[in-house]
Amino acid sequence: MALIPIREALRAAMREEMQRDPSVFLMGEEVAQYDGAYKVSQGMLAEFGPDRIVDTPISECGFAGLGIGAAMVGMRPIIEFMTWNFSLVAYDQIVNSAAKIYQMSGGQYKVPIVFRGPNGAAENLASQHSTSVESLYAHFPGLKVVTYATAYDAKGLLKSAIRDDSPVCFLESEMTYGMKGEVPDEEYLIPIGKADIKAEGSDVTLVTWGKQVFTCQAAVETLKSQGVSAELLDLRTIRPWIVRPCSTPSPRPAAAWSCKRATPSLASAPRSSPSSKSTASTCSTPPSYASPTATCPSPTPPTLRSS
């Protein structure tokens, strides 16, 4: 096991897949000569050359569309957005082309493409760099929206995304690129679509994703000190419904949405039976989920089993 930063885990995933498959290439702003805006692609230009590590103009619509066309004819592009905020310039390409070509062509064309880059709030970057876009893309059939918390998950999920024959929106976090975690030396993959239980508990379930996992881990410890047993469910694949990775009924669900700072207000949550219904949030709760009788941000009961 190696203890490495998340940016190195992501780089290792791309390097291994590019070494394994010559159809994989990386394209985006400053990914080559500058070694990446966040140094995720550092050293890759020297290893793979300018034909596979491609610097682009500042034109997300242009290079996203170019990547989609390359995917349709057998390549496996990795498209890096300097921030997912800028993916809105390519929104039409992603949701009306990448997401729909397989269905519209009757299965004649696959679009094995990964769109990746930092998502959500960062430090002092204001409105143009701080939008969380998962809710925009998760509701479009044909797109898979994936994110991670740890270095282990980052590498395993990105490798699976690159091998997937569907377009994948891979959401990273600028604020956690430098966080270190253990990553196995041997190759491994993490299946897309499978959540992960980061902590087991019987009184309440915290449902979250991305860097908000770390806030919820702190909340789990606070709850534990108050005699409340909390389960922490990391979705990893974002959908408009919740899929549980185990066969046991869910405790009382509580949703935590991703934001820059969060107050662990769940620390005072009372014990409750699995049949109780309530929603709590560590940051601002969307109005449609604000009702105290809501079960979770999904019309599906939280006892849904994964296949």
Protein backbone atom coordinates (compact mmCIF):
# COMPACT_ATOMS: atom_id res chain seq x y z
CA MET A 1 0.00 0.00 0.00
CA ALA A 2 1.25 3.46 -0.88
CA LEU A 3 0.22 6.65 0.94
CA ILE A 4 -0.31 9.20 -1.84
CA PRO A 5 -2.30 12.42 -2.48
CA ILE A 6 -5.56 12.17 -4.38
CA ARG A 7 -4.07 14.01 -7.39
CA GLU A 8 -1.45 11.25 -7.67
CA ALA A 9 -4.11 8.56 -7.39
CA LEU A 10 -6.00 10.16 -10.28
CA ARG A 11 -2.79 10.46 -12.31
CA ALA A 12 -1.95 6.82 -11.64
CA ALA A 13 -5.39 5.77 -12.89
CA MET A 14 -4.95 7.69 -16.15
CA ARG A 15 -1.36 6.49 -16.66
CA GLU A 16 -2.27 2.84 -16.12
CA GLU A 17 -5.20 3.04 -18.51
CA MET A 18 -3.14 4.85 -21.16
CA GLN A 19 -0.40 2.23 -20.87
CA ARG A 20 -2.98 -0.54 -21.16
CA ASP A 21 -5.05 0.93 -23.99
CA PRO A 22 -3.59 3.10 -26.80
CA SER A 23 -7.04 4.51 -27.59
CA VAL A 24 -7.08 6.47 -24.31
CA PHE A 25 -5.93 10.10 -24.45
CA LEU A 26 -6.23 13.23 -22.29
CA MET A 27 -7.35 16.59 -23.65
CA GLY A 28 -8.08 19.93 -22.01
CA GLU A 29 -6.78 23.35 -21.06
CA GLU A 30 -3.19 23.33 -19.73
CA VAL A 31 -3.08 19.54 -19.28
CA ALA A 32 0.19 19.18 -21.24
CA GLN A 33 2.93 21.81 -21.10
CA TYR A 34 1.72 23.27 -17.79
CA ASP A 35 1.30 19.78 -16.24
CA GLY A 36 -2.36 20.50 -15.48
CA ALA A 37 -3.97 23.41 -13.67
CA TYR A 38 -3.97 21.29 -10.48
CA LYS A 39 -0.93 19.13 -11.44
CA VAL A 40 -3.07 16.03 -11.88
CA SER A 41 -1.45 15.36 -15.27
CA GLN A 42 2.09 16.25 -14.16
CA GLY A 43 4.74 14.40 -16.21
CA MET A 44 2.25 12.79 -18.57
CA LEU A 45 3.24 14.87 -21.61
CA ALA A 46 6.84 13.64 -21.32
CA GLU A 47 5.67 10.04 -21.05
CA PHE A 48 2.94 9.92 -23.71
CA GLY A 49 3.72 12.82 -26.04
CA PRO A 50 1.56 15.60 -27.53
CA ASP A 51 -0.64 13.24 -29.56
CA ARG A 52 -2.10 11.75 -26.38
CA ILE A 53 -1.76 14.64 -23.90
CA VAL A 54 -3.38 17.46 -25.83
CA ASP A 55 -3.52 21.14 -24.84
CA THR A 56 -6.64 22.90 -26.13
CA PRO A 57 -7.82 26.49 -26.60
CA ILE A 58 -10.19 27.94 -24.00
CA SER A 59 -13.22 26.48 -25.75
CA GLU A 60 -15.05 23.86 -23.70
CA CYS A 61 -17.79 23.45 -26.28
CA GLY A 62 -15.18 22.83 -28.97
CA PHE A 63 -12.98 20.26 -27.26
CA ALA A 64 -15.92 18.49 -25.59
CA GLY A 65 -17.51 18.05 -29.01
CA LEU A 66 -14.20 16.92 -30.49
CA GLY A 67 -13.88 14.33 -27.72
CA ILE A 68 -17.42 13.04 -28.33
CA GLY A 69 -16.64 12.59 -32.02
CA ALA A 70 -13.41 10.75 -31.18
CA ALA A 71 -15.31 8.45 -28.80
CA MET A 72 -17.85 7.63 -31.52
CA VAL A 73 -15.10 6.29 -33.79
CA GLY A 74 -13.38 4.10 -31.23
CA MET A 75 -11.18 6.32 -29.05
CA ARG A 76 -11.53 6.72 -25.27
CA PRO A 77 -11.03 10.42 -24.52
CA ILE A 78 -10.56 11.91 -21.07
CA ILE A 79 -11.75 15.52 -21.23
CA GLU A 80 -10.53 17.73 -18.40
CA PHE A 81 -12.53 20.83 -17.50
CA MET A 82 -10.46 23.30 -15.48
CA THR A 83 -13.60 23.51 -13.35
CA TRP A 84 -17.02 21.94 -13.83
CA ASN A 85 -18.47 25.46 -13.78
CA PHE A 86 -16.99 25.87 -17.26
CA SER A 87 -18.69 22.67 -18.45
CA LEU A 88 -21.84 24.78 -18.81
CA VAL A 89 -20.28 26.19 -21.98
CA ALA A 90 -20.36 22.58 -23.28
CA TYR A 91 -23.70 21.69 -21.68
CA ASP A 92 -25.42 21.04 -25.00
CA GLN A 93 -22.60 18.75 -26.16
CA ILE A 94 -22.75 16.72 -22.92
CA VAL A 95 -26.51 16.32 -22.47
CA ASN A 96 -27.76 16.44 -26.07
CA SER A 97 -24.91 14.61 -27.79
CA ALA A 98 -22.82 12.46 -25.44
CA ALA A 99 -25.79 11.32 -23.34
CA LYS A 100 -28.13 10.55 -26.25
CA ILE A 101 -26.13 9.30 -29.23
CA TYR A 102 -26.23 5.64 -28.19
CA GLN A 103 -30.03 5.65 -27.95
CA MET A 104 -30.56 7.89 -30.99
CA SER A 105 -28.33 5.69 -33.16
CA GLY A 106 -30.08 2.51 -32.08
CA GLY A 107 -26.91 1.27 -30.40
CA GLN A 108 -24.72 1.75 -33.47
CA TYR A 109 -22.51 4.31 -31.70
CA LYS A 110 -21.10 4.11 -28.20
CA VAL A 111 -19.61 7.16 -26.49
CA PRO A 112 -16.88 5.93 -24.09
CA ILE A 113 -15.78 9.34 -22.81
CA VAL A 114 -14.86 10.70 -19.37
CA PHE A 115 -15.46 14.35 -18.52
CA ARG A 116 -13.48 15.17 -15.38
CA GLY A 117 -12.35 18.15 -13.29
CA PRO A 118 -12.96 19.87 -9.93
CA ASN A 119 -16.55 20.37 -8.83
CA GLY A 120 -18.10 22.40 -6.03
CA ALA A 121 -16.74 25.03 -3.71
CA ALA A 122 -13.06 25.84 -3.35
CA GLU A 123 -11.24 28.50 -1.35
CA ASN A 124 -12.00 32.14 -2.24
CA LEU A 125 -12.99 31.49 -5.86
CA ALA A 126 -16.49 32.99 -5.73
CA SER A 127 -19.31 32.29 -8.13
CA GLN A 128 -17.42 31.42 -11.30
CA HIS A 129 -15.62 28.43 -9.73
CA SER A 130 -17.83 27.17 -6.91
CA THR A 131 -20.94 25.56 -8.41
CA SER A 132 -21.85 21.96 -7.58
CA VAL A 133 -23.13 20.52 -10.86
CA GLU A 134 -24.08 16.96 -9.88
CA SER A 135 -27.78 17.84 -9.69
CA LEU A 136 -27.62 19.16 -13.27
CA TYR A 137 -26.14 16.03 -14.84
CA ALA A 138 -27.46 13.22 -12.64
CA HIS A 139 -31.00 13.51 -14.03
CA PHE A 140 -30.04 12.95 -17.68
CA PRO A 141 -30.44 9.37 -18.94
CA GLY A 142 -27.25 8.21 -20.64
CA LEU A 143 -24.85 9.97 -18.26
CA LYS A 144 -23.14 8.41 -15.27
CA VAL A 145 -22.15 10.89 -12.56
CA VAL A 146 -19.35 9.66 -10.30
CA THR A 147 -17.42 11.19 -7.42
CA TYR A 148 -15.14 10.02 -4.61
CA ALA A 149 -13.92 10.94 -1.16
CA THR A 150 -10.68 8.99 -0.69
CA ALA A 151 -7.58 8.37 -2.79
CA TYR A 152 -8.50 4.68 -2.93
CA ASP A 153 -11.94 5.45 -4.36
CA ALA A 154 -10.54 8.10 -6.72
CA LYS A 155 -8.20 5.69 -8.49
CA GLY A 156 -10.53 2.70 -8.64
CA LEU A 157 -13.52 4.71 -9.84
CA LEU A 158 -11.57 6.65 -12.50
CA LYS A 159 -10.15 3.45 -13.98
CA SER A 160 -13.66 2.02 -14.19
CA ALA A 161 -14.95 5.26 -15.75
CA ILE A 162 -12.29 5.17 -18.47
CA ARG A 163 -13.21 1.57 -19.34
CA ASP A 164 -16.96 2.25 -19.34
CA ASP A 165 -18.67 2.41 -22.72
CA SER A 166 -21.00 5.20 -21.54
CA PRO A 167 -20.16 8.88 -20.99
CA VAL A 168 -19.10 9.50 -17.38
CA CYS A 169 -19.06 12.83 -15.56
CA PHE A 170 -16.27 12.39 -13.02
CA LEU A 171 -16.45 15.02 -10.29
CA GLU A 172 -13.31 15.86 -8.33
CA SER A 173 -12.53 18.38 -5.58
CA GLU A 174 -9.88 21.04 -5.71
CA MET A 175 -9.88 21.21 -1.91
CA THR A 176 -8.97 17.52 -1.52
CA TYR A 177 -6.39 17.04 -4.29
CA GLY A 178 -3.60 17.17 -1.69
CA MET A 179 -5.26 14.86 0.83
CA LYS A 180 -3.39 11.58 1.22
CA GLY A 181 -4.77 8.07 1.44
CA GLU A 182 -3.68 4.46 1.08
CA VAL A 183 -3.79 3.01 -2.43
CA PRO A 184 -2.89 -0.64 -3.23
CA ASP A 185 0.14 -1.29 -5.38
CA GLU A 186 -1.72 -3.90 -7.43
CA GLU A 187 -4.39 -3.01 -9.97
CA TYR A 188 -8.00 -2.77 -8.79
CA LEU A 189 -11.31 -1.42 -10.05
CA ILE A 190 -14.33 -0.07 -8.15
CA PRO A 191 -17.68 -0.73 -9.88
CA ILE A 192 -19.65 2.31 -10.96
CA GLY A 193 -23.12 2.43 -9.44
CA LYS A 194 -22.23 0.86 -6.09
CA ALA A 195 -22.34 2.93 -2.91
CA ASP A 196 -19.99 2.35 0.02
CA ILE A 197 -20.68 2.19 3.74
CA LYS A 198 -17.93 4.29 5.32
CA ALA A 199 -19.22 3.67 8.86
CA GLU A 200 -21.73 1.20 10.26
CA GLY A 201 -24.53 2.24 12.63
CA SER A 202 -28.06 1.40 13.69
CA ASP A 203 -29.80 4.66 14.70
CA VAL A 204 -29.36 7.05 11.78
CA THR A 205 -27.91 6.95 8.26
CA LEU A 206 -25.95 9.92 6.89
CA VAL A 207 -26.19 9.92 3.10
CA THR A 208 -23.60 12.00 1.25
CA TRP A 209 -20.84 12.03 -1.37
CA GLY A 210 -17.54 13.69 -2.26
CA LYS A 211 -15.63 15.78 0.24
CA GLN A 212 -18.73 16.07 2.42
CA VAL A 213 -17.89 12.51 3.52
CA PHE A 214 -15.19 13.97 5.78
CA THR A 215 -17.65 16.36 7.44
CA CYS A 216 -20.03 13.47 8.01
CA GLN A 217 -17.25 11.31 9.45
CA ALA A 218 -16.72 14.01 12.07
CA ALA A 219 -20.49 14.05 12.70
CA VAL A 220 -20.44 10.26 13.16
CA GLU A 221 -17.82 10.61 15.90
CA THR A 222 -19.76 13.42 17.58
CA LEU A 223 -22.94 11.35 17.52
CA LYS A 224 -21.06 8.36 18.90
CA SER A 225 -19.91 10.42 21.88
CA GLN A 226 -23.59 11.19 22.58
CA GLY A 227 -24.69 7.58 22.37
CA VAL A 228 -26.07 7.67 18.83
CA SER A 229 -24.96 4.95 16.42
CA ALA A 230 -24.66 6.47 12.92
CA GLU A 231 -24.19 4.76 9.58
CA LEU A 232 -22.37 6.74 6.87
CA LEU A 233 -23.32 5.95 3.28
CA ASP A 234 -21.09 7.37 0.53
CA LEU A 235 -23.11 7.24 -2.72
CA ARG A 236 -20.03 7.50 -5.04
CA THR A 237 -22.40 7.36 -8.05
CA ILE A 238 -24.89 10.24 -7.95
CA ARG A 239 -28.43 9.45 -9.02
CA PRO A 240 -31.88 10.91 -8.33
CA TRP A 241 -32.47 7.82 -6.17
CA ILE A 242 -30.56 5.98 -3.43
CA VAL A 243 -29.16 2.46 -3.87
CA ARG A 244 -28.00 0.65 -0.76
CA PRO A 245 -25.03 -1.74 -1.04
CA CYS A 246 -26.23 -4.08 1.72
CA SER A 247 -29.24 -6.22 2.59
CA THR A 248 -30.05 -4.68 5.97
CA PRO A 249 -32.85 -2.10 6.41
CA SER A 250 -31.73 1.51 6.58
CA PRO A 251 -31.78 3.34 9.89
CA ARG A 252 -33.35 6.79 10.01
CA PRO A 253 -31.97 8.55 6.90
CA ALA A 254 -30.35 11.99 7.00
CA ALA A 255 -29.01 13.69 3.88
CA ALA A 256 -25.94 15.91 3.76
CA TRP A 257 -25.56 18.08 0.66
CA SER A 258 -22.13 19.17 -0.49
CA CYS A 259 -21.11 22.70 0.45
CA LYS A 260 -17.99 24.60 1.43
CA ARG A 261 -18.58 24.67 5.16
CA ALA A 262 -21.05 22.64 7.14
CA THR A 263 -22.13 22.61 10.76
CA PRO A 264 -22.57 19.06 12.15
CA SER A 265 -26.09 19.82 13.42
CA LEU A 266 -26.86 16.11 13.37
CA ALA A 267 -25.05 15.76 16.69
CA SER A 268 -28.31 16.33 18.54
CA ALA A 269 -30.37 13.90 16.46
CA PRO A 270 -32.42 11.59 18.72
CA ARG A 271 -32.39 7.82 18.51
CA SER A 272 -35.08 6.48 16.23
CA SER A 273 -36.38 3.17 14.94
CA PRO A 274 -35.74 2.17 11.28
CA SER A 275 -39.38 2.91 10.48
CA SER A 276 -39.14 6.55 11.53
CA LYS A 277 -39.18 9.15 8.79
CA SER A 278 -37.19 12.37 8.89
CA THR A 279 -34.61 14.30 6.97
CA ALA A 280 -31.74 16.26 8.48
CA SER A 281 -29.03 18.18 6.70
CA THR A 282 -25.68 19.59 7.68
CA CYS A 283 -26.19 22.57 5.40
CA SER A 284 -29.05 24.35 3.66
CA THR A 285 -31.77 21.85 2.74
CA PRO A 286 -33.52 22.26 -0.63
CA PRO A 287 -37.11 23.49 -0.07
CA SER A 288 -38.67 20.35 -1.54
CA TYR A 289 -36.90 18.26 1.09
CA ALA A 290 -37.51 20.59 4.01
CA SER A 291 -40.63 18.81 5.25
CA PRO A 292 -40.05 16.97 8.54
CA THR A 293 -41.98 14.01 7.10
CA ALA A 294 -39.72 13.55 4.06
CA THR A 295 -37.80 10.28 4.02
CA CYS A 296 -34.79 11.32 1.91
CA PRO A 297 -34.08 13.26 -1.32
CA SER A 298 -35.69 10.50 -3.37
CA PRO A 299 -39.14 9.06 -4.00
CA THR A 300 -37.69 5.59 -3.46
CA PRO A 301 -37.81 4.12 0.07
CA PRO A 302 -34.34 3.90 1.63
CA THR A 303 -34.64 0.12 1.98
CA LEU A 304 -34.07 -0.37 -1.77
CA ARG A 305 -31.53 -3.14 -2.34
CA SER A 306 -28.74 -3.09 -4.89
CA SER A 307 -28.54 -5.96 -7.34
